[in-house]
Amino acid sequence: MLSTTCKYGIRAVIFIASKSEPQTNVGLKEITDQLRIPQPYLAKILQTLVHKKILHSTKGPHGGFLLSVPAGKLTLMDIIDAIDGRNFFDSCYVTGEKCNFDRPDDGRCILHNDLRDEKVRLEKFFSSKTVEQMVEQVRNDPRVKI
């Protein structure tokens, strides 16, 4: 469903947001060491999130990444949108055409009508989950890992 790139991006954003001191840069090495994500791969993902204004980056010995958007306003859907886009939610699995959620399929797609409700439900789910909620879960339950 979500690409590995997107999953890594979500994990990294939650990790950055979970740092105890807000507005403190989190270095790339710290993120890659903690999350066990290859550094060159994660660097590209984080730069995408900087470009999309989800993260802010600073260069230099005390540089790193921090959230550009408050964690309480940043949703998982924002991250998914920035990395994967909405193809999962908007494109038909069979024809590849844009789905119209306002009306049933006209017969071109054998899956559209069955998946339409599920796609809408998933988009609402990801849109309702904030990074702040995810950070609270990580902090409050030692079994939860990012």
N, C-alpha and C. Protein backbone atom coordinates (compact mmCIF):
# COMPACT_ATOMS: atom_id res chain seq x y z
N MET A 1 0.83 -1.18 0.00
CA MET A 1 0.00 0.00 0.00
C MET A 1 0.88 1.25 0.00
N LEU A 2 1.62 1.49 1.07
CA LEU A 2 2.54 2.62 1.09
C LEU A 2 3.93 2.12 0.70
N SER A 3 4.67 2.96 0.02
CA SER A 3 6.03 2.57 -0.37
C SER A 3 6.93 2.51 0.86
N THR A 4 8.02 1.80 0.73
CA THR A 4 9.02 1.75 1.79
C THR A 4 9.54 3.15 2.07
N THR A 5 9.73 3.93 1.03
CA THR A 5 10.18 5.31 1.17
C THR A 5 9.23 6.08 2.08
N CYS A 6 7.95 5.93 1.85
CA CYS A 6 6.96 6.64 2.64
C CYS A 6 6.96 6.15 4.09
N LYS A 7 7.07 4.86 4.28
CA LYS A 7 7.12 4.31 5.65
C LYS A 7 8.33 4.85 6.39
N TYR A 8 9.48 4.90 5.73
CA TYR A 8 10.67 5.47 6.36
C TYR A 8 10.47 6.94 6.69
N GLY A 9 9.83 7.67 5.79
CA GLY A 9 9.57 9.08 6.02
C GLY A 9 8.68 9.29 7.24
N ILE A 10 7.64 8.49 7.36
CA ILE A 10 6.75 8.59 8.52
C ILE A 10 7.52 8.30 9.80
N ARG A 11 8.31 7.23 9.80
CA ARG A 11 9.09 6.87 10.99
C ARG A 11 10.05 7.98 11.37
N ALA A 12 10.72 8.57 10.38
CA ALA A 12 11.70 9.62 10.65
C ALA A 12 11.02 10.87 11.21
N VAL A 13 9.89 11.24 10.65
CA VAL A 13 9.17 12.42 11.15
C VAL A 13 8.72 12.20 12.60
N ILE A 14 8.20 11.02 12.89
CA ILE A 14 7.79 10.72 14.27
C ILE A 14 8.99 10.77 15.19
N PHE A 15 10.12 10.23 14.76
CA PHE A 15 11.33 10.26 15.57
C PHE A 15 11.77 11.69 15.83
N ILE A 16 11.81 12.50 14.80
CA ILE A 16 12.22 13.91 14.96
C ILE A 16 11.28 14.62 15.92
N ALA A 17 9.97 14.39 15.76
CA ALA A 17 8.99 15.04 16.63
C ALA A 17 9.07 14.55 18.06
N SER A 18 9.57 13.35 18.26
CA SER A 18 9.61 12.76 19.60
C SER A 18 10.76 13.26 20.46
N LYS A 19 11.68 13.99 19.87
CA LYS A 19 12.82 14.49 20.63
C LYS A 19 12.30 15.43 21.71
N SER A 20 12.88 15.33 22.90
CA SER A 20 12.34 16.04 24.07
C SER A 20 12.39 17.56 23.96
N GLU A 21 13.36 18.08 23.25
CA GLU A 21 13.46 19.53 23.12
C GLU A 21 12.97 19.98 21.75
N PRO A 22 11.78 20.59 21.70
CA PRO A 22 11.30 21.08 20.40
C PRO A 22 12.22 22.19 19.88
N GLN A 23 12.23 22.37 18.59
CA GLN A 23 13.07 23.37 17.93
C GLN A 23 14.56 23.08 18.07
N THR A 24 14.90 21.83 18.37
CA THR A 24 16.29 21.41 18.40
C THR A 24 16.52 20.48 17.22
N ASN A 25 17.56 20.77 16.46
CA ASN A 25 17.87 19.96 15.29
C ASN A 25 18.22 18.52 15.68
N VAL A 26 17.75 17.60 14.88
CA VAL A 26 18.09 16.19 15.05
C VAL A 26 18.95 15.81 13.85
N GLY A 27 20.15 15.36 14.14
CA GLY A 27 21.11 15.05 13.09
C GLY A 27 20.74 13.80 12.30
N LEU A 28 21.16 13.79 11.06
CA LEU A 28 20.88 12.66 10.17
C LEU A 28 21.46 11.36 10.73
N LYS A 29 22.68 11.42 11.26
CA LYS A 29 23.31 10.22 11.80
C LYS A 29 22.51 9.65 12.97
N GLU A 30 22.03 10.51 13.84
CA GLU A 30 21.21 10.04 14.97
C GLU A 30 19.94 9.34 14.48
N ILE A 31 19.32 9.92 13.49
CA ILE A 31 18.09 9.32 12.95
C ILE A 31 18.39 7.97 12.32
N THR A 32 19.42 7.92 11.48
CA THR A 32 19.72 6.66 10.80
C THR A 32 20.18 5.59 11.78
N ASP A 33 20.94 5.99 12.81
CA ASP A 33 21.40 5.01 13.81
C ASP A 33 20.21 4.44 14.59
N GLN A 34 19.30 5.30 14.99
CA GLN A 34 18.16 4.86 15.80
C GLN A 34 17.15 4.06 15.00
N LEU A 35 16.91 4.46 13.76
CA LEU A 35 15.87 3.81 12.95
C LEU A 35 16.42 2.73 12.03
N ARG A 36 17.74 2.62 11.96
CA ARG A 36 18.39 1.61 11.11
C ARG A 36 17.92 1.72 9.65
N ILE A 37 18.02 2.94 9.14
CA ILE A 37 17.69 3.22 7.74
C ILE A 37 18.98 3.67 7.07
N PRO A 38 19.30 3.18 5.88
CA PRO A 38 20.53 3.60 5.20
C PRO A 38 20.58 5.13 5.05
N GLN A 39 21.71 5.71 5.45
CA GLN A 39 21.85 7.16 5.50
C GLN A 39 21.61 7.85 4.16
N PRO A 40 22.19 7.39 3.04
CA PRO A 40 21.94 8.10 1.77
C PRO A 40 20.45 8.07 1.37
N TYR A 41 19.81 6.94 1.63
CA TYR A 41 18.39 6.79 1.30
C TYR A 41 17.55 7.75 2.15
N LEU A 42 17.82 7.77 3.46
CA LEU A 42 17.05 8.64 4.35
C LEU A 42 17.32 10.11 4.04
N ALA A 43 18.53 10.45 3.69
CA ALA A 43 18.86 11.84 3.36
C ALA A 43 17.98 12.35 2.21
N LYS A 44 17.78 11.51 1.21
CA LYS A 44 16.92 11.90 0.08
C LYS A 44 15.46 12.07 0.51
N ILE A 45 15.01 11.16 1.36
CA ILE A 45 13.63 11.24 1.86
C ILE A 45 13.43 12.53 2.65
N LEU A 46 14.37 12.83 3.54
CA LEU A 46 14.25 14.03 4.37
C LEU A 46 14.33 15.30 3.53
N GLN A 47 15.15 15.28 2.49
CA GLN A 47 15.22 16.46 1.61
C GLN A 47 13.89 16.67 0.88
N THR A 48 13.23 15.58 0.51
CA THR A 48 11.90 15.70 -0.09
C THR A 48 10.94 16.36 0.89
N LEU A 49 11.01 15.97 2.17
CA LEU A 49 10.13 16.55 3.18
C LEU A 49 10.49 18.00 3.47
N VAL A 50 11.75 18.36 3.33
CA VAL A 50 12.16 19.77 3.45
C VAL A 50 11.57 20.56 2.28
N HIS A 51 11.71 20.01 1.09
CA HIS A 51 11.18 20.67 -0.12
C HIS A 51 9.67 20.89 -0.02
N LYS A 52 8.98 19.93 0.61
CA LYS A 52 7.51 20.02 0.76
C LYS A 52 7.11 20.81 2.01
N LYS A 53 8.11 21.39 2.70
CA LYS A 53 7.89 22.26 3.86
C LYS A 53 7.30 21.54 5.08
N ILE A 54 7.58 20.27 5.19
CA ILE A 54 7.19 19.51 6.38
C ILE A 54 8.32 19.56 7.40
N LEU A 55 9.57 19.54 6.90
CA LEU A 55 10.74 19.65 7.75
C LEU A 55 11.53 20.89 7.38
N HIS A 56 12.36 21.31 8.32
CA HIS A 56 13.33 22.38 8.08
C HIS A 56 14.71 21.77 8.32
N SER A 57 15.67 22.11 7.49
CA SER A 57 17.02 21.58 7.70
C SER A 57 18.01 22.71 7.86
N THR A 58 19.04 22.41 8.63
CA THR A 58 20.14 23.34 8.87
C THR A 58 21.43 22.57 8.63
N LYS A 59 22.36 23.19 7.92
CA LYS A 59 23.65 22.56 7.66
C LYS A 59 24.64 22.91 8.77
N GLY A 60 25.72 22.17 8.80
CA GLY A 60 26.80 22.47 9.74
C GLY A 60 26.88 21.47 10.86
N PRO A 61 27.88 21.69 11.76
CA PRO A 61 28.13 20.73 12.82
C PRO A 61 26.96 20.56 13.81
N HIS A 62 26.16 21.57 13.96
CA HIS A 62 24.98 21.48 14.85
C HIS A 62 23.70 21.45 14.03
N GLY A 63 23.83 21.11 12.77
CA GLY A 63 22.69 21.08 11.87
C GLY A 63 21.87 19.82 12.05
N GLY A 64 20.84 19.76 11.25
CA GLY A 64 19.96 18.61 11.29
C GLY A 64 18.58 19.00 10.83
N PHE A 65 17.59 18.30 11.34
CA PHE A 65 16.21 18.47 10.89
C PHE A 65 15.29 18.74 12.07
N LEU A 66 14.29 19.54 11.80
CA LEU A 66 13.21 19.74 12.76
C LEU A 66 11.92 19.99 12.00
N LEU A 67 10.80 19.85 12.69
CA LEU A 67 9.50 20.02 12.03
C LEU A 67 9.28 21.47 11.65
N SER A 68 8.72 21.69 10.48
CA SER A 68 8.30 23.03 10.05
C SER A 68 6.85 23.27 10.41
N VAL A 69 6.13 22.21 10.64
CA VAL A 69 4.70 22.25 10.96
C VAL A 69 4.54 21.69 12.37
N PRO A 70 3.73 22.32 13.21
CA PRO A 70 3.51 21.75 14.55
C PRO A 70 3.00 20.31 14.45
N ALA A 71 3.52 19.45 15.33
CA ALA A 71 3.17 18.03 15.31
C ALA A 71 1.67 17.80 15.44
N GLY A 72 0.97 18.69 16.12
CA GLY A 72 -0.47 18.55 16.30
C GLY A 72 -1.26 18.88 15.05
N LYS A 73 -0.62 19.55 14.10
CA LYS A 73 -1.30 19.90 12.85
C LYS A 73 -0.83 19.06 11.68
N LEU A 74 0.25 18.33 11.87
CA LEU A 74 0.84 17.52 10.81
C LEU A 74 0.23 16.12 10.86
N THR A 75 -0.41 15.71 9.78
CA THR A 75 -1.05 14.39 9.75
C THR A 75 -0.20 13.40 8.97
N LEU A 76 -0.49 12.14 9.18
CA LEU A 76 0.18 11.11 8.39
C LEU A 76 -0.12 11.30 6.91
N MET A 77 -1.33 11.77 6.59
CA MET A 77 -1.69 12.00 5.20
C MET A 77 -0.81 13.08 4.58
N ASP A 78 -0.41 14.09 5.37
CA ASP A 78 0.49 15.12 4.85
C ASP A 78 1.81 14.51 4.40
N ILE A 79 2.32 13.58 5.20
CA ILE A 79 3.59 12.93 4.87
C ILE A 79 3.42 12.02 3.66
N ILE A 80 2.34 11.25 3.65
CA ILE A 80 2.06 10.36 2.52
C ILE A 80 1.94 11.18 1.24
N ASP A 81 1.21 12.28 1.32
CA ASP A 81 1.02 13.17 0.17
C ASP A 81 2.37 13.68 -0.35
N ALA A 82 3.26 14.06 0.57
CA ALA A 82 4.55 14.63 0.19
C ALA A 82 5.46 13.60 -0.47
N ILE A 83 5.37 12.35 -0.05
CA ILE A 83 6.31 11.34 -0.55
C ILE A 83 5.71 10.50 -1.67
N ASP A 84 4.55 9.91 -1.43
CA ASP A 84 3.95 9.01 -2.42
C ASP A 84 2.90 9.69 -3.29
N GLY A 85 2.39 10.82 -2.84
CA GLY A 85 1.27 11.43 -3.55
C GLY A 85 0.00 10.67 -3.24
N ARG A 86 -1.04 10.94 -3.99
CA ARG A 86 -2.33 10.31 -3.72
C ARG A 86 -2.71 9.25 -4.73
N ASN A 87 -1.75 8.73 -5.46
CA ASN A 87 -2.09 7.72 -6.45
C ASN A 87 -2.82 6.54 -5.85
N PHE A 88 -2.41 6.13 -4.66
CA PHE A 88 -3.11 5.00 -4.03
C PHE A 88 -4.57 5.33 -3.81
N PHE A 89 -4.84 6.57 -3.48
CA PHE A 89 -6.19 6.97 -3.13
C PHE A 89 -7.00 7.45 -4.33
N ASP A 90 -6.32 7.88 -5.37
CA ASP A 90 -7.05 8.48 -6.48
C ASP A 90 -7.05 7.65 -7.77
N SER A 91 -6.15 6.73 -7.92
CA SER A 91 -6.04 6.00 -9.18
C SER A 91 -6.69 4.63 -9.09
N CYS A 92 -7.36 4.27 -10.16
CA CYS A 92 -7.98 2.95 -10.26
C CYS A 92 -6.88 1.90 -10.35
N TYR A 93 -7.05 0.79 -9.64
CA TYR A 93 -6.06 -0.29 -9.67
C TYR A 93 -6.02 -1.03 -10.99
N VAL A 94 -7.10 -1.03 -11.72
CA VAL A 94 -7.18 -1.80 -12.96
C VAL A 94 -6.87 -0.91 -14.17
N THR A 95 -7.58 0.22 -14.29
CA THR A 95 -7.41 1.05 -15.48
C THR A 95 -6.32 2.10 -15.33
N GLY A 96 -5.97 2.45 -14.09
CA GLY A 96 -4.99 3.50 -13.85
C GLY A 96 -5.56 4.90 -13.97
N GLU A 97 -6.82 5.01 -14.32
CA GLU A 97 -7.46 6.32 -14.45
C GLU A 97 -7.83 6.87 -13.09
N LYS A 98 -8.07 8.17 -13.03
CA LYS A 98 -8.47 8.80 -11.78
C LYS A 98 -9.87 8.33 -11.38
N CYS A 99 -9.99 7.95 -10.12
CA CYS A 99 -11.29 7.49 -9.61
C CYS A 99 -12.17 8.69 -9.27
N ASN A 100 -13.44 8.52 -9.42
CA ASN A 100 -14.41 9.53 -9.02
C ASN A 100 -15.20 8.94 -7.85
N PHE A 101 -14.89 9.42 -6.65
CA PHE A 101 -15.52 8.88 -5.46
C PHE A 101 -16.98 9.32 -5.31
N ASP A 102 -17.39 10.28 -6.09
CA ASP A 102 -18.76 10.80 -5.97
C ASP A 102 -19.80 9.90 -6.61
N ARG A 103 -19.37 9.01 -7.47
CA ARG A 103 -20.35 8.14 -8.14
C ARG A 103 -19.76 6.77 -8.39
N PRO A 104 -20.60 5.78 -8.52
CA PRO A 104 -20.11 4.43 -8.82
C PRO A 104 -19.45 4.39 -10.19
N ASP A 105 -18.62 3.39 -10.38
CA ASP A 105 -17.94 3.19 -11.65
C ASP A 105 -18.97 2.90 -12.74
N ASP A 106 -18.64 3.29 -13.96
CA ASP A 106 -19.55 3.08 -15.09
C ASP A 106 -19.32 1.74 -15.79
N GLY A 107 -18.59 0.84 -15.16
CA GLY A 107 -18.39 -0.49 -15.73
C GLY A 107 -17.00 -0.75 -16.27
N ARG A 108 -16.13 0.28 -16.31
CA ARG A 108 -14.78 0.09 -16.83
C ARG A 108 -13.87 -0.63 -15.85
N CYS A 109 -14.14 -0.51 -14.55
CA CYS A 109 -13.26 -1.10 -13.55
C CYS A 109 -14.02 -2.11 -12.70
N ILE A 110 -13.51 -3.32 -12.65
CA ILE A 110 -14.18 -4.38 -11.92
C ILE A 110 -13.99 -4.27 -10.41
N LEU A 111 -13.05 -3.44 -9.95
CA LEU A 111 -12.79 -3.30 -8.52
C LEU A 111 -13.30 -1.99 -7.92
N HIS A 112 -13.57 -1.01 -8.75
CA HIS A 112 -13.87 0.34 -8.27
C HIS A 112 -14.94 0.37 -7.19
N ASN A 113 -16.06 -0.22 -7.45
CA ASN A 113 -17.18 -0.11 -6.51
C ASN A 113 -16.86 -0.77 -5.17
N ASP A 114 -16.14 -1.87 -5.19
CA ASP A 114 -15.79 -2.55 -3.95
C ASP A 114 -14.73 -1.78 -3.16
N LEU A 115 -13.79 -1.18 -3.86
CA LEU A 115 -12.67 -0.51 -3.18
C LEU A 115 -12.93 0.95 -2.86
N ARG A 116 -13.93 1.54 -3.48
CA ARG A 116 -14.19 2.97 -3.31
C ARG A 116 -14.34 3.33 -1.84
N ASP A 117 -15.17 2.61 -1.11
CA ASP A 117 -15.40 2.91 0.30
C ASP A 117 -14.13 2.70 1.13
N GLU A 118 -13.37 1.67 0.79
CA GLU A 118 -12.14 1.40 1.55
C GLU A 118 -11.10 2.48 1.31
N LYS A 119 -10.98 2.95 0.09
CA LYS A 119 -10.02 4.00 -0.21
C LYS A 119 -10.38 5.28 0.53
N VAL A 120 -11.66 5.61 0.56
CA VAL A 120 -12.11 6.80 1.28
C VAL A 120 -11.85 6.63 2.77
N ARG A 121 -12.12 5.45 3.29
CA ARG A 121 -11.91 5.17 4.72
C ARG A 121 -10.42 5.31 5.08
N LEU A 122 -9.54 4.78 4.26
CA LEU A 122 -8.11 4.88 4.53
C LEU A 122 -7.62 6.32 4.48
N GLU A 123 -8.09 7.07 3.52
CA GLU A 123 -7.68 8.48 3.44
C GLU A 123 -8.14 9.24 4.68
N LYS A 124 -9.36 8.99 5.13
CA LYS A 124 -9.85 9.63 6.36
C LYS A 124 -9.02 9.20 7.56
N PHE A 125 -8.68 7.92 7.61
CA PHE A 125 -7.87 7.41 8.72
C PHE A 125 -6.52 8.14 8.78
N PHE A 126 -5.78 8.16 7.66
CA PHE A 126 -4.47 8.80 7.64
C PHE A 126 -4.58 10.31 7.88
N SER A 127 -5.67 10.91 7.46
CA SER A 127 -5.88 12.34 7.67
C SER A 127 -6.23 12.67 9.12
N SER A 128 -6.73 11.68 9.84
CA SER A 128 -7.14 11.93 11.23
C SER A 128 -6.02 11.67 12.24
N LYS A 129 -4.94 11.06 11.82
CA LYS A 129 -3.84 10.73 12.73
C LYS A 129 -2.74 11.78 12.63
N THR A 130 -2.51 12.50 13.74
CA THR A 130 -1.46 13.50 13.74
C THR A 130 -0.15 12.90 14.22
N VAL A 131 0.92 13.56 13.87
CA VAL A 131 2.24 13.15 14.34
C VAL A 131 2.29 13.25 15.86
N GLU A 132 1.66 14.27 16.41
CA GLU A 132 1.62 14.42 17.86
C GLU A 132 0.97 13.21 18.53
N GLN A 133 -0.11 12.70 17.97
CA GLN A 133 -0.75 11.50 18.51
C GLN A 133 0.19 10.30 18.46
N MET A 134 0.93 10.18 17.36
CA MET A 134 1.86 9.07 17.22
C MET A 134 3.00 9.18 18.25
N VAL A 135 3.50 10.39 18.46
CA VAL A 135 4.56 10.60 19.44
C VAL A 135 4.07 10.25 20.84
N GLU A 136 2.86 10.64 21.17
CA GLU A 136 2.30 10.31 22.48
C GLU A 136 2.20 8.80 22.67
N GLN A 137 1.81 8.09 21.66
CA GLN A 137 1.74 6.63 21.75
C GLN A 137 3.13 6.04 22.00
N VAL A 138 4.13 6.56 21.30
CA VAL A 138 5.49 6.07 21.47
C VAL A 138 5.97 6.35 22.90
N ARG A 139 5.69 7.53 23.39
CA ARG A 139 6.14 7.91 24.74
C ARG A 139 5.41 7.16 25.84
N ASN A 140 4.14 6.88 25.63
CA ASN A 140 3.31 6.29 26.69
C ASN A 140 3.30 4.78 26.73
N ASP A 141 3.77 4.13 25.70
CA ASP A 141 3.74 2.67 25.67
C ASP A 141 5.10 2.15 25.24
N PRO A 142 5.87 1.60 26.18
CA PRO A 142 7.23 1.15 25.85
C PRO A 142 7.26 0.03 24.80
N ARG A 143 6.14 -0.61 24.55
CA ARG A 143 6.10 -1.67 23.54
C ARG A 143 6.07 -1.10 22.12
N VAL A 144 5.65 0.17 21.97
CA VAL A 144 5.53 0.79 20.66
C VAL A 144 6.92 1.25 20.20
N LYS A 145 7.29 0.82 19.03
CA LYS A 145 8.59 1.18 18.44
C LYS A 145 8.35 1.90 17.12
N ILE A 146 9.24 2.82 16.78
CA ILE A 146 9.17 3.48 15.47
C ILE A 146 10.28 3.00 14.60
